[in-house]
Amino acid sequence: MNLVFIGKQGVGKGTYAQRLISEFKIPQLSTGDLLRAEIKSGSGLGKKLEAIMNSGALVSDEIVSEMLEKRLQQADAQNGFILDGYPRTENQAKILDELAEKMHKRIDIVLDFVAPDKVLLQRLTGRRQCKQCGAIYHVKNMPSKAEGICDKCGGQLYQRDDDKEEAIKKRFEAFEKQTKPVLAFYKKQKKLVEIDASGEVEKIFSEVIKALKSRKLIEKLFEV
């Protein structure tokens, strides 16, 4: 099964992707991770990407597509994949469809994870990270034993700039602007399923499984 996960930062896409990876042995693919891996590999494409990113320019949709095609040819992606956070624009969605057709694949279902901005802001602005070891905490959901101090190494906890409310709201606005056409694109293809991601993890995951069953992508007997 070939899946696309869409949703704002903090909505929990990674959590549900990891559960599916564990159950069905299919990879989760993030274009950001692919970019970093390609650069690290030192390949011709990787050197090209590094030069583009070092210049401050955006990597073109065509290069991202080339990189994605290379990844989808690997053995672990032959039984399916989860695309996390891609496509971000309608043009990327069209390019992805063309790539899938070229590779004799198809996008089976697009899960749109939604939650109120208020809920997502609470999740994200409450996050704290250790300056020393990088451990993650949350002031409400997973606080450290001593306020501002890492349980693991005693380092100082801080709030990253990209976890501050103003920065998050800007990303939310950009997401809304870019992604609405993508949702419309997949809705027209009857591939879009909205998942309410504002509740408990187990309940949300059961909705994901229900959506996959409804498209006959997994057996009815699968239980969560």
Protein backbone atom coordinates (compact mmCIF):
# COMPACT_ATOMS: atom_id res chain seq x y z
CA MET A 1 0.00 0.00 0.00
CA ASN A 2 1.31 3.40 -1.01
CA LEU A 3 0.23 6.13 1.39
CA VAL A 4 0.55 9.91 1.67
CA PHE A 5 0.35 11.54 5.13
CA ILE A 6 -0.53 15.24 5.25
CA GLY A 7 -0.86 17.41 8.36
CA LYS A 8 0.52 20.39 10.22
CA GLN A 9 3.56 20.22 12.47
CA GLY A 10 2.64 18.67 15.83
CA VAL A 11 -0.31 16.67 14.49
CA GLY A 12 1.51 13.36 15.11
CA LYS A 13 2.01 11.98 11.59
CA GLY A 14 5.32 10.41 12.61
CA THR A 15 3.72 8.54 15.52
CA TYR A 16 1.17 6.80 13.29
CA ALA A 17 3.69 6.21 10.52
CA GLN A 18 5.96 4.41 12.99
CA ARG A 19 3.09 2.14 14.06
CA LEU A 20 2.36 1.20 10.44
CA ILE A 21 6.06 0.66 9.73
CA SER A 22 6.19 -1.76 12.65
CA GLU A 23 3.05 -3.64 11.58
CA PHE A 24 3.53 -3.78 7.80
CA LYS A 25 7.28 -3.40 7.24
CA ILE A 26 7.02 -0.51 4.80
CA PRO A 27 9.31 2.54 4.93
CA GLN A 28 8.39 6.09 5.93
CA LEU A 29 9.83 8.53 3.41
CA SER A 30 10.45 12.19 4.18
CA THR A 31 11.92 14.33 1.41
CA GLY A 32 13.96 16.23 4.00
CA ASP A 33 15.55 12.97 5.18
CA LEU A 34 16.12 11.90 1.58
CA LEU A 35 17.89 15.19 0.80
CA ARG A 36 20.19 14.81 3.80
CA ALA A 37 20.93 11.15 3.01
CA GLU A 38 21.68 11.92 -0.65
CA ILE A 39 24.11 14.70 0.32
CA LYS A 40 25.79 12.44 2.88
CA SER A 41 26.23 9.68 0.25
CA GLY A 42 28.52 11.93 -1.81
CA SER A 43 26.79 10.90 -5.05
CA GLY A 44 26.65 13.15 -8.10
CA LEU A 45 23.08 14.10 -7.22
CA GLY A 46 24.12 14.65 -3.60
CA LYS A 47 26.85 17.10 -4.61
CA LYS A 48 24.36 18.92 -6.84
CA LEU A 49 21.89 19.18 -3.94
CA GLU A 50 24.57 20.40 -1.53
CA ALA A 51 25.57 23.19 -3.92
CA ILE A 52 21.94 24.27 -4.36
CA MET A 53 21.23 24.28 -0.60
CA ASN A 54 24.50 26.03 0.25
CA SER A 55 23.58 28.82 -2.17
CA GLY A 56 20.31 29.34 -0.28
CA ALA A 57 18.19 28.34 -3.29
CA LEU A 58 15.24 25.93 -3.13
CA VAL A 59 15.63 22.42 -4.51
CA SER A 60 13.43 22.13 -7.62
CA ASP A 61 10.43 19.79 -7.74
CA GLU A 62 12.10 17.93 -10.61
CA ILE A 63 15.22 17.15 -8.55
CA VAL A 64 13.09 16.04 -5.58
CA SER A 65 11.20 13.76 -7.96
CA GLU A 66 14.48 12.30 -9.27
CA MET A 67 15.64 11.64 -5.71
CA LEU A 68 12.28 10.10 -4.76
CA GLU A 69 12.33 7.82 -7.80
CA LYS A 70 15.77 6.56 -6.79
CA ARG A 71 14.51 5.80 -3.26
CA LEU A 72 11.35 4.04 -4.45
CA GLN A 73 13.47 1.65 -6.51
CA GLN A 74 15.05 0.25 -3.33
CA ALA A 75 13.96 -3.20 -2.15
CA ASP A 76 12.23 -2.13 1.06
CA ALA A 77 9.78 0.12 -0.85
CA GLN A 78 8.50 -2.57 -3.20
CA ASN A 79 5.63 -3.61 -0.91
CA GLY A 80 4.56 -0.04 -0.22
CA PHE A 81 5.63 3.21 1.44
CA ILE A 82 4.44 6.15 3.51
CA LEU A 83 5.23 9.61 2.12
CA ASP A 84 5.35 11.97 5.10
CA GLY A 85 4.77 15.65 4.35
CA TYR A 86 5.10 15.28 0.59
CA PRO A 87 3.62 16.48 -1.71
CA ARG A 88 3.37 20.00 -0.26
CA THR A 89 2.05 21.73 -3.39
CA GLU A 90 -0.34 20.86 -6.21
CA ASN A 91 2.55 20.81 -8.69
CA GLN A 92 4.37 18.25 -6.55
CA ALA A 93 1.18 16.15 -6.38
CA LYS A 94 0.97 16.12 -10.18
CA ILE A 95 4.67 15.22 -10.49
CA LEU A 96 4.17 12.42 -7.94
CA ASP A 97 1.29 10.98 -9.98
CA GLU A 98 3.47 11.04 -13.10
CA LEU A 99 6.33 9.35 -11.22
CA ALA A 100 4.00 6.68 -9.79
CA GLU A 101 2.62 5.93 -13.27
CA LYS A 102 6.14 5.70 -14.70
CA MET A 103 7.06 3.18 -11.98
CA HIS A 104 3.79 1.24 -12.37
CA LYS A 105 2.65 2.29 -8.91
CA ARG A 106 -0.26 4.35 -7.61
CA ILE A 107 -1.03 6.42 -4.52
CA ASP A 108 -3.74 4.37 -2.78
CA ILE A 109 -4.91 6.76 -0.08
CA VAL A 110 -4.06 10.21 1.30
CA LEU A 111 -4.62 10.67 5.04
CA ASP A 112 -5.14 14.27 6.13
CA PHE A 113 -4.45 14.51 9.88
CA VAL A 114 -6.28 17.48 11.37
CA ALA A 115 -6.43 19.04 14.83
CA PRO A 116 -7.31 22.54 16.07
CA ASP A 117 -4.42 25.01 15.98
CA LYS A 118 -4.95 25.59 19.71
CA VAL A 119 -4.21 21.90 20.43
CA LEU A 120 -1.17 21.86 18.15
CA LEU A 121 0.21 25.10 19.64
CA GLN A 122 -0.04 23.61 23.13
CA ARG A 123 1.86 20.51 22.00
CA LEU A 124 4.59 22.46 20.23
CA THR A 125 5.12 25.50 22.47
CA GLY A 126 5.39 23.24 25.52
CA ARG A 127 8.29 21.30 24.04
CA ARG A 128 11.71 21.71 25.66
CA GLN A 129 15.05 20.30 24.56
CA CYS A 130 18.29 19.66 26.43
CA LYS A 131 21.15 21.86 25.19
CA GLN A 132 23.65 19.15 26.09
CA CYS A 133 22.24 15.76 24.99
CA GLY A 134 19.23 16.80 22.88
CA ALA A 135 16.62 14.93 24.98
CA ILE A 136 13.03 16.14 24.45
CA TYR A 137 10.53 17.03 27.19
CA HIS A 138 7.15 18.73 27.41
CA VAL A 139 6.22 21.13 30.21
CA LYS A 140 2.77 19.52 30.57
CA ASN A 141 2.79 16.08 28.97
CA MET A 142 6.33 14.92 29.82
CA PRO A 143 8.04 17.31 32.26
CA SER A 144 11.52 16.81 33.65
CA LYS A 145 11.77 15.97 37.38
CA ALA A 146 13.46 19.31 38.12
CA GLU A 147 12.15 22.29 36.15
CA GLY A 148 14.54 23.33 33.37
CA ILE A 149 17.00 20.50 34.08
CA CYS A 150 17.49 17.36 31.95
CA ASP A 151 16.84 14.09 33.82
CA LYS A 152 19.44 12.26 31.72
CA CYS A 153 22.51 14.50 31.85
CA GLY A 154 21.67 17.50 34.02
CA GLY A 155 21.90 19.86 31.07
CA GLN A 156 19.82 23.02 30.69
CA LEU A 157 16.45 22.73 28.93
CA TYR A 158 15.45 25.42 26.46
CA GLN A 159 12.71 26.28 23.98
CA ARG A 160 13.89 26.15 20.37
CA ASP A 161 13.16 29.23 18.24
CA ASP A 162 11.04 27.12 15.86
CA ASP A 163 8.88 26.01 18.82
CA LYS A 164 7.91 29.58 19.71
CA GLU A 165 4.31 30.58 19.01
CA GLU A 166 5.05 33.26 16.41
CA ALA A 167 7.24 30.92 14.32
CA ILE A 168 4.70 28.09 14.54
CA LYS A 169 1.80 30.32 13.46
CA LYS A 170 3.79 31.44 10.40
CA ARG A 171 4.36 27.79 9.43
CA PHE A 172 0.68 27.03 9.95
CA GLU A 173 -0.26 29.90 7.61
CA ALA A 174 2.18 28.67 4.96
CA PHE A 175 0.82 25.14 5.31
CA GLU A 176 -2.78 26.30 4.83
CA LYS A 177 -1.85 28.30 1.74
CA GLN A 178 0.25 25.59 0.08
CA THR A 179 -1.71 22.50 1.06
CA LYS A 180 -5.35 23.42 0.35
CA PRO A 181 -4.84 22.87 -3.41
CA VAL A 182 -3.18 19.49 -2.64
CA LEU A 183 -6.19 18.39 -0.58
CA ALA A 184 -8.54 19.49 -3.37
CA PHE A 185 -6.40 17.58 -5.91
CA TYR A 186 -6.69 14.30 -3.99
CA LYS A 187 -10.33 14.87 -3.03
CA LYS A 188 -11.15 15.07 -6.72
CA GLN A 189 -9.42 11.69 -7.17
CA LYS A 190 -11.50 10.32 -4.23
CA LYS A 191 -8.30 9.37 -2.38
CA LEU A 192 -8.54 11.84 0.52
CA VAL A 193 -9.58 10.70 4.02
CA GLU A 194 -9.60 13.14 6.93
CA ILE A 195 -8.39 11.83 10.30
CA ASP A 196 -9.30 13.68 13.51
CA ALA A 197 -5.91 13.82 15.26
CA SER A 198 -6.98 15.83 18.31
CA GLY A 199 -7.72 12.88 20.63
CA GLU A 200 -5.86 9.94 22.15
CA VAL A 201 -3.19 8.12 20.14
CA GLU A 202 -4.92 4.70 20.23
CA LYS A 203 -8.23 6.14 19.04
CA ILE A 204 -6.53 8.03 16.22
CA PHE A 205 -4.58 4.95 15.14
CA SER A 206 -7.80 2.92 15.05
CA GLU A 207 -9.24 5.54 12.66
CA VAL A 208 -6.16 5.14 10.45
CA ILE A 209 -6.67 1.36 10.37
CA LYS A 210 -10.38 1.82 9.62
CA ALA A 211 -9.49 4.07 6.65
CA LEU A 212 -7.03 1.49 5.28
CA LYS A 213 -9.59 -1.30 5.68
CA SER A 214 -12.24 0.77 3.87
CA ARG A 215 -9.97 0.86 0.80
CA LYS A 216 -9.23 -2.88 1.17
CA LEU A 217 -5.54 -2.12 1.72
CA ILE A 218 -5.37 -4.40 4.77
CA GLU A 219 -7.33 -7.43 5.92
CA LYS A 220 -10.56 -6.89 7.84
CA LEU A 221 -9.27 -9.16 10.60
CA PHE A 222 -6.50 -6.73 11.60
CA GLU A 223 -7.20 -5.46 15.11
CA VAL A 224 -5.65 -2.60 17.09
